[in-house]
Amino acid sequence: MSAGVPVLPGRDLPPQPFGEGWPVYWRQDAACRDGDPDAFFPPDGRNTKARAAAETRARKICSGCPVQRACLATAIFRQEEHGVWGGLTSDQRSTLIPRGRLNADDALAAADRLLLTISVAS
């Protein structure tokens, strides 16, 4: 991995257990583990068709992922500003997630609420 190159949640990262309720090695079970980083971290170019298509591909993979909850909660907890995590784009997360640092339990609760909203909207 070189500096500045995005890494999918499932690749080459140590586990980050944040407390009870967090699967310790969730990244190893991620559906995106061996996926295309450009789908999950599309190149810059806001509101382009290519970016939208990449995000749609990534969100489709996320929708069937067994660790979608932990992935989204990690993005919330770590305040990830880029990429598709747990089925939400960076724009969606910035719109739907309250500003400010959340503790691990609140990040899981926020992920649960968002995933329920996503499943109802689908």
PDB file of N, CA and C in Angstrom:
ATOM      1  N   MET A   1       0.852  -1.173   0.000  1.00  0.00           N
ATOM      2  CA  MET A   1       0.000   0.000   0.000  1.00  0.00           C
ATOM      3  C   MET A   1       0.892   1.229   0.000  1.00  0.00           C
ATOM      4  N   SER A   2       0.626   2.160  -0.895  1.00  0.00           N
ATOM      5  CA  SER A   2       1.406   3.381  -0.914  1.00  0.00           C
ATOM      6  C   SER A   2       0.584   4.535  -0.363  1.00  0.00           C
ATOM      7  N   ALA A   3       1.267   5.563   0.058  1.00  0.00           N
ATOM      8  CA  ALA A   3       0.590   6.717   0.642  1.00  0.00           C
ATOM      9  C   ALA A   3      -0.376   7.311  -0.366  1.00  0.00           C
ATOM     10  N   GLY A   4      -1.543   7.684   0.104  1.00  0.00           N
ATOM     11  CA  GLY A   4      -2.524   8.320  -0.745  1.00  0.00           C
ATOM     12  C   GLY A   4      -3.395   7.379  -1.539  1.00  0.00           C
ATOM     13  N   VAL A   5      -3.134   6.083  -1.489  1.00  0.00           N
ATOM     14  CA  VAL A   5      -3.939   5.110  -2.226  1.00  0.00           C
ATOM     15  C   VAL A   5      -5.011   4.573  -1.284  1.00  0.00           C
ATOM     16  N   PRO A   6      -6.286   4.696  -1.661  1.00  0.00           N
ATOM     17  CA  PRO A   6      -7.338   4.219  -0.769  1.00  0.00           C
ATOM     18  C   PRO A   6      -7.274   2.703  -0.599  1.00  0.00           C
ATOM     19  N   VAL A   7      -7.635   2.257   0.566  1.00  0.00           N
ATOM     20  CA  VAL A   7      -7.646   0.833   0.878  1.00  0.00           C
ATOM     21  C   VAL A   7      -9.066   0.469   1.282  1.00  0.00           C
ATOM     22  N   LEU A   8      -9.586  -0.584   0.703  1.00  0.00           N
ATOM     23  CA  LEU A   8     -10.917  -1.029   1.079  1.00  0.00           C
ATOM     24  C   LEU A   8     -10.903  -1.486   2.528  1.00  0.00           C
ATOM     25  N   PRO A   9     -12.054  -1.402   3.192  1.00  0.00           N
ATOM     26  CA  PRO A   9     -12.097  -1.769   4.605  1.00  0.00           C
ATOM     27  C   PRO A   9     -11.574  -3.160   4.909  1.00  0.00           C
ATOM     28  N   GLY A  10     -11.666  -4.083   3.983  1.00  0.00           N
ATOM     29  CA  GLY A  10     -11.260  -5.453   4.248  1.00  0.00           C
ATOM     30  C   GLY A  10      -9.807  -5.761   3.987  1.00  0.00           C
ATOM     31  N   ARG A  11      -9.045  -4.834   3.476  1.00  0.00           N
ATOM     32  CA  ARG A  11      -7.683  -5.136   3.068  1.00  0.00           C
ATOM     33  C   ARG A  11      -6.641  -4.594   4.028  1.00  0.00           C
ATOM     34  N   ASP A  12      -5.741  -5.469   4.443  1.00  0.00           N
ATOM     35  CA  ASP A  12      -4.495  -5.086   5.107  1.00  0.00           C
ATOM     36  C   ASP A  12      -4.639  -4.146   6.294  1.00  0.00           C
ATOM     37  N   LEU A  13      -5.736  -4.190   6.977  1.00  0.00           N
ATOM     38  CA  LEU A  13      -5.895  -3.345   8.148  1.00  0.00           C
ATOM     39  C   LEU A  13      -6.070  -4.230   9.381  1.00  0.00           C
ATOM     40  N   PRO A  14      -5.481  -3.838  10.492  1.00  0.00           N
ATOM     41  CA  PRO A  14      -5.671  -4.630  11.701  1.00  0.00           C
ATOM     42  C   PRO A  14      -7.108  -4.507  12.191  1.00  0.00           C
ATOM     43  N   PRO A  15      -7.576  -5.456  12.974  1.00  0.00           N
ATOM     44  CA  PRO A  15      -8.934  -5.356  13.504  1.00  0.00           C
ATOM     45  C   PRO A  15      -9.028  -4.155  14.442  1.00  0.00           C
ATOM     46  N   GLN A  16     -10.192  -3.570  14.509  1.00  0.00           N
ATOM     47  CA  GLN A  16     -10.409  -2.457  15.418  1.00  0.00           C
ATOM     48  C   GLN A  16     -11.636  -2.726  16.273  1.00  0.00           C
ATOM     49  N   PRO A  17     -11.519  -3.555  17.256  1.00  0.00           N
ATOM     50  CA  PRO A  17     -12.681  -3.747  18.133  1.00  0.00           C
ATOM     51  C   PRO A  17     -12.870  -2.496  18.983  1.00  0.00           C
ATOM     52  N   PHE A  18     -14.051  -1.932  18.926  1.00  0.00           N
ATOM     53  CA  PHE A  18     -14.324  -0.715  19.669  1.00  0.00           C
ATOM     54  C   PHE A  18     -15.123  -1.000  20.943  1.00  0.00           C
ATOM     55  N   GLY A  19     -15.447  -2.239  21.203  1.00  0.00           N
ATOM     56  CA  GLY A  19     -16.209  -2.560  22.404  1.00  0.00           C
ATOM     57  C   GLY A  19     -17.200  -3.665  22.119  1.00  0.00           C
ATOM     58  N   GLU A  20     -17.996  -3.955  23.108  1.00  0.00           N
ATOM     59  CA  GLU A  20     -18.994  -5.004  22.983  1.00  0.00           C
ATOM     60  C   GLU A  20     -19.970  -4.664  21.853  1.00  0.00           C
ATOM     61  N   GLY A  21     -20.323  -5.645  21.068  1.00  0.00           N
ATOM     62  CA  GLY A  21     -21.226  -5.431  19.949  1.00  0.00           C
ATOM     63  C   GLY A  21     -20.510  -5.236  18.629  1.00  0.00           C
ATOM     64  N   TRP A  22     -19.209  -4.993  18.679  1.00  0.00           N
ATOM     65  CA  TRP A  22     -18.430  -4.824  17.455  1.00  0.00           C
ATOM     66  C   TRP A  22     -17.773  -6.151  17.123  1.00  0.00           C
ATOM     67  N   PRO A  23     -18.010  -6.683  15.925  1.00  0.00           N
ATOM     68  CA  PRO A  23     -17.303  -7.896  15.527  1.00  0.00           C
ATOM     69  C   PRO A  23     -15.805  -7.589  15.426  1.00  0.00           C
ATOM     70  N   VAL A  24     -14.991  -8.384  16.064  1.00  0.00           N
ATOM     71  CA  VAL A  24     -13.562  -8.101  16.165  1.00  0.00           C
ATOM     72  C   VAL A  24     -12.885  -8.103  14.800  1.00  0.00           C
ATOM     73  N   TYR A  25     -13.144  -9.090  13.988  1.00  0.00           N
ATOM     74  CA  TYR A  25     -12.470  -9.205  12.698  1.00  0.00           C
ATOM     75  C   TYR A  25     -13.440  -8.991  11.538  1.00  0.00           C
ATOM     76  N   TRP A  26     -14.296  -8.021  11.638  1.00  0.00           N
ATOM     77  CA  TRP A  26     -15.333  -7.832  10.635  1.00  0.00           C
ATOM     78  C   TRP A  26     -14.773  -7.614   9.236  1.00  0.00           C
ATOM     79  N   ARG A  27     -13.639  -6.979   9.101  1.00  0.00           N
ATOM     80  CA  ARG A  27     -13.086  -6.674   7.784  1.00  0.00           C
ATOM     81  C   ARG A  27     -12.799  -7.943   6.979  1.00  0.00           C
ATOM     82  N   GLN A  28     -12.479  -9.018   7.653  1.00  0.00           N
ATOM     83  CA  GLN A  28     -12.165 -10.258   6.949  1.00  0.00           C
ATOM     84  C   GLN A  28     -13.392 -10.851   6.263  1.00  0.00           C
ATOM     85  N   ASP A  29     -14.579 -10.456   6.725  1.00  0.00           N
ATOM     86  CA  ASP A  29     -15.813 -10.965   6.139  1.00  0.00           C
ATOM     87  C   ASP A  29     -16.466  -9.971   5.179  1.00  0.00           C
ATOM     88  N   ALA A  30     -15.828  -8.832   4.952  1.00  0.00           N
ATOM     89  CA  ALA A  30     -16.407  -7.784   4.116  1.00  0.00           C
ATOM     90  C   ALA A  30     -16.539  -8.232   2.660  1.00  0.00           C
ATOM     91  N   ALA A  31     -17.686  -7.958   2.074  1.00  0.00           N
ATOM     92  CA  ALA A  31     -17.928  -8.316   0.675  1.00  0.00           C
ATOM     93  C   ALA A  31     -17.000  -7.557  -0.273  1.00  0.00           C
ATOM     94  N   CYS A  32     -16.481  -6.433   0.172  1.00  0.00           N
ATOM     95  CA  CYS A  32     -15.607  -5.621  -0.681  1.00  0.00           C
ATOM     96  C   CYS A  32     -14.133  -5.980  -0.528  1.00  0.00           C
ATOM     97  N   ARG A  33     -13.860  -6.949   0.284  1.00  0.00           N
ATOM     98  CA  ARG A  33     -12.469  -7.271   0.636  1.00  0.00           C
ATOM     99  C   ARG A  33     -11.549  -7.359  -0.575  1.00  0.00           C
ATOM    100  N   ASP A  34     -11.982  -7.990  -1.618  1.00  0.00           N
ATOM    101  CA  ASP A  34     -11.157  -8.133  -2.807  1.00  0.00           C
ATOM    102  C   ASP A  34     -11.729  -7.350  -3.986  1.00  0.00           C
ATOM    103  N   GLY A  35     -12.533  -6.338  -3.666  1.00  0.00           N
ATOM    104  CA  GLY A  35     -13.191  -5.564  -4.715  1.00  0.00           C
ATOM    105  C   GLY A  35     -12.315  -4.492  -5.326  1.00  0.00           C
ATOM    106  N   ASP A  36     -12.927  -3.741  -6.195  1.00  0.00           N
ATOM    107  CA  ASP A  36     -12.265  -2.662  -6.916  1.00  0.00           C
ATOM    108  C   ASP A  36     -12.310  -1.383  -6.080  1.00  0.00           C
ATOM    109  N   PRO A  37     -11.170  -0.877  -5.622  1.00  0.00           N
ATOM    110  CA  PRO A  37     -11.163   0.337  -4.800  1.00  0.00           C
ATOM    111  C   PRO A  37     -11.800   1.537  -5.495  1.00  0.00           C
ATOM    112  N   ASP A  38     -11.739   1.589  -6.825  1.00  0.00           N
ATOM    113  CA  ASP A  38     -12.332   2.721  -7.534  1.00  0.00           C
ATOM    114  C   ASP A  38     -13.851   2.764  -7.399  1.00  0.00           C
ATOM    115  N   ALA A  39     -14.481   1.634  -7.136  1.00  0.00           N
ATOM    116  CA  ALA A  39     -15.927   1.634  -6.918  1.00  0.00           C
ATOM    117  C   ALA A  39     -16.259   2.232  -5.557  1.00  0.00           C
ATOM    118  N   PHE A  40     -15.458   1.917  -4.565  1.00  0.00           N
ATOM    119  CA  PHE A  40     -15.726   2.380  -3.207  1.00  0.00           C
ATOM    120  C   PHE A  40     -15.116   3.749  -2.914  1.00  0.00           C
ATOM    121  N   PHE A  41     -14.086   4.088  -3.636  1.00  0.00           N
ATOM    122  CA  PHE A  41     -13.429   5.384  -3.515  1.00  0.00           C
ATOM    123  C   PHE A  41     -13.253   5.959  -4.913  1.00  0.00           C
ATOM    124  N   PRO A  42     -14.387   6.381  -5.535  1.00  0.00           N
ATOM    125  CA  PRO A  42     -14.300   6.854  -6.921  1.00  0.00           C
ATOM    126  C   PRO A  42     -13.393   8.079  -7.031  1.00  0.00           C
ATOM    127  N   PRO A  43     -12.731   8.217  -8.158  1.00  0.00           N
ATOM    128  CA  PRO A  43     -11.874   9.387  -8.358  1.00  0.00           C
ATOM    129  C   PRO A  43     -12.673  10.676  -8.222  1.00  0.00           C
ATOM    130  N   ASP A  44     -11.970  11.728  -7.890  1.00  0.00           N
ATOM    131  CA  ASP A  44     -12.632  13.025  -7.740  1.00  0.00           C
ATOM    132  C   ASP A  44     -13.348  13.410  -9.023  1.00  0.00           C
ATOM    133  N   GLY A  45     -14.290  14.277  -8.873  1.00  0.00           N
ATOM    134  CA  GLY A  45     -15.113  14.709 -10.000  1.00  0.00           C
ATOM    135  C   GLY A  45     -16.556  14.656  -9.553  1.00  0.00           C
ATOM    136  N   ARG A  46     -16.913  15.566  -8.707  1.00  0.00           N
ATOM    137  CA  ARG A  46     -18.247  15.588  -8.117  1.00  0.00           C
ATOM    138  C   ARG A  46     -19.347  15.530  -9.171  1.00  0.00           C
ATOM    139  N   ASN A  47     -20.387  14.784  -8.873  1.00  0.00           N
ATOM    140  CA  ASN A  47     -21.612  14.718  -9.656  1.00  0.00           C
ATOM    141  C   ASN A  47     -21.406  14.263 -11.096  1.00  0.00           C
ATOM    142  N   THR A  48     -20.423  13.453 -11.318  1.00  0.00           N
ATOM    143  CA  THR A  48     -20.232  12.919 -12.660  1.00  0.00           C
ATOM    144  C   THR A  48     -20.961  11.595 -12.788  1.00  0.00           C
ATOM    145  N   LYS A  49     -21.270  11.227 -13.997  1.00  0.00           N
ATOM    146  CA  LYS A  49     -21.946   9.951 -14.236  1.00  0.00           C
ATOM    147  C   LYS A  49     -21.067   8.785 -13.810  1.00  0.00           C
ATOM    148  N   ALA A  50     -19.768   8.895 -14.050  1.00  0.00           N
ATOM    149  CA  ALA A  50     -18.855   7.813 -13.681  1.00  0.00           C
ATOM    150  C   ALA A  50     -18.818   7.625 -12.169  1.00  0.00           C
ATOM    151  N   ARG A  51     -18.788   8.707 -11.433  1.00  0.00           N
ATOM    152  CA  ARG A  51     -18.782   8.621  -9.970  1.00  0.00           C
ATOM    153  C   ARG A  51     -20.085   7.996  -9.474  1.00  0.00           C
ATOM    154  N   ALA A  52     -21.203   8.438 -10.023  1.00  0.00           N
ATOM    155  CA  ALA A  52     -22.495   7.894  -9.619  1.00  0.00           C
ATOM    156  C   ALA A  52     -22.583   6.404  -9.931  1.00  0.00           C
ATOM    157  N   ALA A  53     -22.077   6.003 -11.085  1.00  0.00           N
ATOM    158  CA  ALA A  53     -22.102   4.586 -11.455  1.00  0.00           C
ATOM    159  C   ALA A  53     -21.229   3.764 -10.516  1.00  0.00           C
ATOM    160  N   ALA A  54     -20.049   4.292 -10.174  1.00  0.00           N
ATOM    161  CA  ALA A  54     -19.157   3.582  -9.244  1.00  0.00           C
ATOM    162  C   ALA A  54     -19.807   3.443  -7.879  1.00  0.00           C
ATOM    163  N   GLU A  55     -20.408   4.511  -7.389  1.00  0.00           N
ATOM    164  CA  GLU A  55     -21.057   4.459  -6.081  1.00  0.00           C
ATOM    165  C   GLU A  55     -22.241   3.500  -6.085  1.00  0.00           C
ATOM    166  N   THR A  56     -22.952   3.437  -7.185  1.00  0.00           N
ATOM    167  CA  THR A  56     -24.071   2.495  -7.294  1.00  0.00           C
ATOM    168  C   THR A  56     -23.565   1.056  -7.233  1.00  0.00           C
ATOM    169  N   ARG A  57     -22.453   0.777  -7.941  1.00  0.00           N
ATOM    170  CA  ARG A  57     -21.859  -0.574  -7.874  1.00  0.00           C
ATOM    171  C   ARG A  57     -21.440  -0.903  -6.439  1.00  0.00           C
ATOM    172  N   ALA A  58     -20.796   0.030  -5.782  1.00  0.00           N
ATOM    173  CA  ALA A  58     -20.335  -0.200  -4.415  1.00  0.00           C
ATOM    174  C   ALA A  58     -21.512  -0.425  -3.475  1.00  0.00           C
ATOM    175  N   ARG A  59     -22.533   0.387  -3.590  1.00  0.00           N
ATOM    176  CA  ARG A  59     -23.694   0.253  -2.701  1.00  0.00           C
ATOM    177  C   ARG A  59     -24.406  -1.077  -2.908  1.00  0.00           C
ATOM    178  N   LYS A  60     -24.407  -1.574  -4.140  1.00  0.00           N
ATOM    179  CA  LYS A  60     -25.019  -2.877  -4.425  1.00  0.00           C
ATOM    180  C   LYS A  60     -24.243  -3.985  -3.704  1.00  0.00           C
ATOM    181  N   ILE A  61     -22.917  -3.901  -3.740  1.00  0.00           N
ATOM    182  CA  ILE A  61     -22.091  -4.878  -3.020  1.00  0.00           C
ATOM    183  C   ILE A  61     -22.353  -4.778  -1.524  1.00  0.00           C
ATOM    184  N   CYS A  62     -22.419  -3.562  -1.016  1.00  0.00           N
ATOM    185  CA  CYS A  62     -22.661  -3.355   0.418  1.00  0.00           C
ATOM    186  C   CYS A  62     -24.013  -3.919   0.866  1.00  0.00           C
ATOM    187  N   SER A  63     -25.003  -3.827  -0.006  1.00  0.00           N
ATOM    188  CA  SER A  63     -26.346  -4.247   0.394  1.00  0.00           C
ATOM    189  C   SER A  63     -26.424  -5.723   0.770  1.00  0.00           C
ATOM    190  N   GLY A  64     -25.534  -6.533   0.219  1.00  0.00           N
ATOM    191  CA  GLY A  64     -25.531  -7.954   0.556  1.00  0.00           C
ATOM    192  C   GLY A  64     -24.405  -8.359   1.484  1.00  0.00           C
ATOM    193  N   CYS A  65     -23.728  -7.394   2.058  1.00  0.00           N
ATOM    194  CA  CYS A  65     -22.552  -7.681   2.879  1.00  0.00           C
ATOM    195  C   CYS A  65     -22.951  -8.112   4.294  1.00  0.00           C
ATOM    196  N   PRO A  66     -22.339  -9.177   4.796  1.00  0.00           N
ATOM    197  CA  PRO A  66     -22.685  -9.654   6.137  1.00  0.00           C
ATOM    198  C   PRO A  66     -22.185  -8.743   7.268  1.00  0.00           C
ATOM    199  N   VAL A  67     -21.287  -7.815   6.956  1.00  0.00           N
ATOM    200  CA  VAL A  67     -20.752  -6.941   8.011  1.00  0.00           C
ATOM    201  C   VAL A  67     -21.042  -5.472   7.702  1.00  0.00           C
ATOM    202  N   GLN A  68     -22.128  -5.223   7.016  1.00  0.00           N
ATOM    203  CA  GLN A  68     -22.501  -3.856   6.637  1.00  0.00           C
ATOM    204  C   GLN A  68     -22.640  -2.958   7.871  1.00  0.00           C
ATOM    205  N   ARG A  69     -23.237  -3.463   8.913  1.00  0.00           N
ATOM    206  CA  ARG A  69     -23.449  -2.677  10.138  1.00  0.00           C
ATOM    207  C   ARG A  69     -22.124  -2.231  10.747  1.00  0.00           C
ATOM    208  N   ALA A  70     -21.201  -3.160  10.903  1.00  0.00           N
ATOM    209  CA  ALA A  70     -19.904  -2.826  11.503  1.00  0.00           C
ATOM    210  C   ALA A  70     -19.129  -1.855  10.614  1.00  0.00           C
ATOM    211  N   CYS A  71     -19.229  -2.028   9.314  1.00  0.00           N
ATOM    212  CA  CYS A  71     -18.537  -1.143   8.380  1.00  0.00           C
ATOM    213  C   CYS A  71     -19.069   0.287   8.494  1.00  0.00           C
ATOM    214  N   LEU A  72     -20.379   0.431   8.456  1.00  0.00           N
ATOM    215  CA  LEU A  72     -20.977   1.758   8.555  1.00  0.00           C
ATOM    216  C   LEU A  72     -20.675   2.379   9.919  1.00  0.00           C
ATOM    217  N   ALA A  73     -20.781   1.593  10.974  1.00  0.00           N
ATOM    218  CA  ALA A  73     -20.492   2.111  12.314  1.00  0.00           C
ATOM    219  C   ALA A  73     -19.039   2.563  12.425  1.00  0.00           C
ATOM    220  N   THR A  74     -18.134   1.840  11.788  1.00  0.00           N
ATOM    221  CA  THR A  74     -16.721   2.235  11.790  1.00  0.00           C
ATOM    222  C   THR A  74     -16.548   3.572  11.089  1.00  0.00           C
ATOM    223  N   ALA A  75     -17.198   3.747   9.950  1.00  0.00           N
ATOM    224  CA  ALA A  75     -17.107   5.016   9.226  1.00  0.00           C
ATOM    225  C   ALA A  75     -17.657   6.166  10.070  1.00  0.00           C
ATOM    226  N   ILE A  76     -18.746   5.897  10.765  1.00  0.00           N
ATOM    227  CA  ILE A  76     -19.332   6.927  11.631  1.00  0.00           C
ATOM    228  C   ILE A  76     -18.385   7.240  12.780  1.00  0.00           C
ATOM    229  N   PHE A  77     -17.900   6.207  13.420  1.00  0.00           N
ATOM    230  CA  PHE A  77     -17.012   6.377  14.573  1.00  0.00           C
ATOM    231  C   PHE A  77     -15.731   7.107  14.191  1.00  0.00           C
ATOM    232  N   ARG A  78     -15.147   6.720  13.046  1.00  0.00           N
ATOM    233  CA  ARG A  78     -13.886   7.312  12.606  1.00  0.00           C
ATOM    234  C   ARG A  78     -14.073   8.597  11.809  1.00  0.00           C
ATOM    235  N   GLN A  79     -15.326   8.981  11.586  1.00  0.00           N
ATOM    236  CA  GLN A  79     -15.662  10.185  10.820  1.00  0.00           C
ATOM    237  C   GLN A  79     -15.008  10.168   9.437  1.00  0.00           C
ATOM    238  N   GLU A  80     -15.186   9.036   8.757  1.00  0.00           N
ATOM    239  CA  GLU A  80     -14.638   8.885   7.409  1.00  0.00           C
ATOM    240  C   GLU A  80     -15.268   9.917   6.480  1.00  0.00           C
ATOM    241  N   GLU A  81     -14.443  10.650   5.768  1.00  0.00           N
ATOM    242  CA  GLU A  81     -14.931  11.694   4.874  1.00  0.00           C
ATOM    243  C   GLU A  81     -15.012  11.243   3.423  1.00  0.00           C
ATOM    244  N   HIS A  82     -14.447  10.095   3.100  1.00  0.00           N
ATOM    245  CA  HIS A  82     -14.396   9.651   1.714  1.00  0.00           C
ATOM    246  C   HIS A  82     -14.872   8.214   1.588  1.00  0.00           C
ATOM    247  N   GLY A  83     -15.373   7.897   0.427  1.00  0.00           N
ATOM    248  CA  GLY A  83     -15.696   6.517   0.111  1.00  0.00           C
ATOM    249  C   GLY A  83     -17.083   6.070   0.500  1.00  0.00           C
ATOM    250  N   VAL A  84     -17.427   4.898  -0.011  1.00  0.00           N
ATOM    251  CA  VAL A  84     -18.685   4.233   0.334  1.00  0.00           C
ATOM    252  C   VAL A  84     -18.372   3.255   1.452  1.00  0.00           C
ATOM    253  N   TRP A  85     -19.042   3.413   2.560  1.00  0.00           N
ATOM    254  CA  TRP A  85     -18.872   2.538   3.735  1.00  0.00           C
ATOM    255  C   TRP A  85     -20.257   2.085   4.175  1.00  0.00           C
ATOM    256  N   GLY A  86     -20.443   0.805   4.307  1.00  0.00           N
ATOM    257  CA  GLY A  86     -21.717   0.283   4.797  1.00  0.00           C
ATOM    258  C   GLY A  86     -22.904   0.648   3.930  1.00  0.00           C
ATOM    259  N   GLY A  87     -22.651   0.962   2.667  1.00  0.00           N
ATOM    260  CA  GLY A  87     -23.737   1.279   1.755  1.00  0.00           C
ATOM    261  C   GLY A  87     -24.079   2.751   1.652  1.00  0.00           C
ATOM    262  N   LEU A  88     -23.382   3.598   2.380  1.00  0.00           N
ATOM    263  CA  LEU A  88     -23.633   5.031   2.301  1.00  0.00           C
ATOM    264  C   LEU A  88     -22.429   5.746   1.704  1.00  0.00           C
ATOM    265  N   THR A  89     -22.711   6.684   0.822  1.00  0.00           N
ATOM    266  CA  THR A  89     -21.647   7.489   0.227  1.00  0.00           C
ATOM    267  C   THR A  89     -21.185   8.536   1.230  1.00  0.00           C
ATOM    268  N   SER A  90     -20.083   9.178   0.936  1.00  0.00           N
ATOM    269  CA  SER A  90     -19.583  10.233   1.821  1.00  0.00           C
ATOM    270  C   SER A  90     -20.597  11.376   1.916  1.00  0.00           C
ATOM    271  N   ASP A  91     -21.249  11.696   0.804  1.00  0.00           N
ATOM    272  CA  ASP A  91     -22.255  12.756   0.826  1.00  0.00           C
ATOM    273  C   ASP A  91     -23.443  12.372   1.710  1.00  0.00           C
ATOM    274  N   GLN A  92     -23.888  11.135   1.605  1.00  0.00           N
ATOM    275  CA  GLN A  92     -25.008  10.689   2.440  1.00  0.00           C
ATOM    276  C   GLN A  92     -24.641  10.719   3.916  1.00  0.00           C
ATOM    277  N   ARG A  93     -23.443  10.240   4.229  1.00  0.00           N
ATOM    278  CA  ARG A  93     -23.033  10.246   5.630  1.00  0.00           C
ATOM    279  C   ARG A  93     -22.948  11.665   6.177  1.00  0.00           C
ATOM    280  N   SER A  94     -22.414  12.579   5.386  1.00  0.00           N
ATOM    281  CA  SER A  94     -22.283  13.950   5.892  1.00  0.00           C
ATOM    282  C   SER A  94     -23.646  14.598   6.090  1.00  0.00           C
ATOM    283  N   THR A  95     -24.632  14.169   5.319  1.00  0.00           N
ATOM    284  CA  THR A  95     -25.984  14.716   5.449  1.00  0.00           C
ATOM    285  C   THR A  95     -26.762  14.063   6.584  1.00  0.00           C
ATOM    286  N   LEU A  96     -26.615  12.751   6.747  1.00  0.00           N
ATOM    287  CA  LEU A  96     -27.464  11.994   7.666  1.00  0.00           C
ATOM    288  C   LEU A  96     -26.909  11.811   9.074  1.00  0.00           C
ATOM    289  N   ILE A  97     -25.616  11.984   9.236  1.00  0.00           N
ATOM    290  CA  ILE A  97     -25.002  11.703  10.532  1.00  0.00           C
ATOM    291  C   ILE A  97     -24.757  13.010  11.268  1.00  0.00           C
ATOM    292  N   PRO A  98     -25.139  13.061  12.532  1.00  0.00           N
ATOM    293  CA  PRO A  98     -24.932  14.297  13.279  1.00  0.00           C
ATOM    294  C   PRO A  98     -23.457  14.674  13.358  1.00  0.00           C
ATOM    295  N   ARG A  99     -23.198  15.950  13.327  1.00  0.00           N
ATOM    296  CA  ARG A  99     -21.824  16.447  13.432  1.00  0.00           C
ATOM    297  C   ARG A  99     -21.264  16.161  14.813  1.00  0.00           C
ATOM    298  N   GLY A 100     -19.958  16.015  14.865  1.00  0.00           N
ATOM    299  CA  GLY A 100     -19.292  15.792  16.146  1.00  0.00           C
ATOM    300  C   GLY A 100     -18.968  14.331  16.355  1.00  0.00           C
ATOM    301  N   ARG A 101     -18.046  14.100  17.230  1.00  0.00           N
ATOM    302  CA  ARG A 101     -17.555  12.757  17.521  1.00  0.00           C
ATOM    303  C   ARG A 101     -18.603  11.967  18.292  1.00  0.00           C
ATOM    304  N   LEU A 102     -18.835  10.735  17.869  1.00  0.00           N
ATOM    305  CA  LEU A 102     -19.726   9.825  18.580  1.00  0.00           C
ATOM    306  C   LEU A 102     -18.886   8.747  19.231  1.00  0.00           C
ATOM    307  N   ASN A 103     -19.326   8.279  20.392  1.00  0.00           N
ATOM    308  CA  ASN A 103     -18.616   7.151  20.998  1.00  0.00           C
ATOM    309  C   ASN A 103     -19.030   5.880  20.260  1.00  0.00           C
ATOM    310  N   ALA A 104     -18.369   4.781  20.581  1.00  0.00           N
ATOM    311  CA  ALA A 104     -18.587   3.522  19.850  1.00  0.00           C
ATOM    312  C   ALA A 104     -20.035   3.054  19.921  1.00  0.00           C
ATOM    313  N   ASP A 105     -20.650   3.134  21.091  1.00  0.00           N
ATOM    314  CA  ASP A 105     -22.039   2.692  21.222  1.00  0.00           C
ATOM    315  C   ASP A 105     -22.987   3.563  20.400  1.00  0.00           C
ATOM    316  N   ASP A 106     -22.765   4.868  20.417  1.00  0.00           N
ATOM    317  CA  ASP A 106     -23.613   5.768  19.638  1.00  0.00           C
ATOM    318  C   ASP A 106     -23.399   5.580  18.136  1.00  0.00           C
ATOM    319  N   ALA A 107     -22.176   5.242  17.739  1.00  0.00           N
ATOM    320  CA  ALA A 107     -21.902   4.974  16.322  1.00  0.00           C
ATOM    321  C   ALA A 107     -22.662   3.730  15.863  1.00  0.00           C
ATOM    322  N   LEU A 108     -22.690   2.697  16.691  1.00  0.00           N
ATOM    323  CA  LEU A 108     -23.462   1.490  16.351  1.00  0.00           C
ATOM    324  C   LEU A 108     -24.947   1.814  16.269  1.00  0.00           C
ATOM    325  N   ALA A 109     -25.443   2.592  17.213  1.00  0.00           N
ATOM    326  CA  ALA A 109     -26.867   2.962  17.214  1.00  0.00           C
ATOM    327  C   ALA A 109     -27.203   3.790  15.972  1.00  0.00           C
ATOM    328  N   ALA A 110     -26.327   4.708  15.601  1.00  0.00           N
ATOM    329  CA  ALA A 110     -26.546   5.512  14.398  1.00  0.00           C
ATOM    330  C   ALA A 110     -26.549   4.625  13.160  1.00  0.00           C
ATOM    331  N   ALA A 111     -25.628   3.671  13.095  1.00  0.00           N
ATOM    332  CA  ALA A 111     -25.586   2.739  11.965  1.00  0.00           C
ATOM    333  C   ALA A 111     -26.875   1.936  11.889  1.00  0.00           C
ATOM    334  N   ASP A 112     -27.363   1.469  13.018  1.00  0.00           N
ATOM    335  CA  ASP A 112     -28.620   0.707  13.033  1.00  0.00           C
ATOM    336  C   ASP A 112     -29.772   1.549  12.490  1.00  0.00           C
ATOM    337  N   ARG A 113     -29.866   2.804  12.925  1.00  0.00           N
ATOM    338  CA  ARG A 113     -30.941   3.689  12.445  1.00  0.00           C
ATOM    339  C   ARG A 113     -30.828   3.916  10.935  1.00  0.00           C
ATOM    340  N   LEU A 114     -29.616   4.176  10.471  1.00  0.00           N
ATOM    341  CA  LEU A 114     -29.426   4.436   9.046  1.00  0.00           C
ATOM    342  C   LEU A 114     -29.718   3.204   8.201  1.00  0.00           C
ATOM    343  N   LEU A 115     -29.281   2.044   8.650  1.00  0.00           N
ATOM    344  CA  LEU A 115     -29.530   0.810   7.894  1.00  0.00           C
ATOM    345  C   LEU A 115     -31.018   0.500   7.838  1.00  0.00           C
ATOM    346  N   LEU A 116     -31.743   0.805   8.899  1.00  0.00           N
ATOM    347  CA  LEU A 116     -33.194   0.616   8.888  1.00  0.00           C
ATOM    348  C   LEU A 116     -33.815   1.558   7.867  1.00  0.00           C
ATOM    349  N   THR A 117     -33.359   2.799   7.835  1.00  0.00           N
ATOM    350  CA  THR A 117     -33.854   3.783   6.881  1.00  0.00           C
ATOM    351  C   THR A 117     -33.563   3.336   5.454  1.00  0.00           C
ATOM    352  N   ILE A 118     -32.360   2.828   5.212  1.00  0.00           N
ATOM    353  CA  ILE A 118     -31.982   2.373   3.874  1.00  0.00           C
ATOM    354  C   ILE A 118     -32.871   1.218   3.435  1.00  0.00           C
ATOM    355  N   SER A 119     -33.102   0.258   4.350  1.00  0.00           N
ATOM    356  CA  SER A 119     -33.901  -0.920   3.979  1.00  0.00           C
ATOM    357  C   SER A 119     -35.355  -0.559   3.743  1.00  0.00           C
ATOM    358  N   VAL A 120     -35.883   0.425   4.464  1.00  0.00           N
ATOM    359  CA  VAL A 120     -37.258   0.861   4.264  1.00  0.00           C
ATOM    360  C   VAL A 120     -37.402   1.604   2.937  1.00  0.00           C
ATOM    361  N   ALA A 121     -36.375   2.390   2.586  1.00  0.00           N
ATOM    362  CA  ALA A 121     -36.402   3.165   1.343  1.00  0.00           C
ATOM    363  C   ALA A 121     -36.226   2.293   0.101  1.00  0.00           C
ATOM    364  N   SER A 122     -35.624   1.134   0.249  1.00  0.00           N
ATOM    365  CA  SER A 122     -35.356   0.264  -0.918  1.00  0.00           C
ATOM    366  C   SER A 122     -36.591  -0.380  -1.463  1.00  0.00           C
TER     367      SER A 122
END
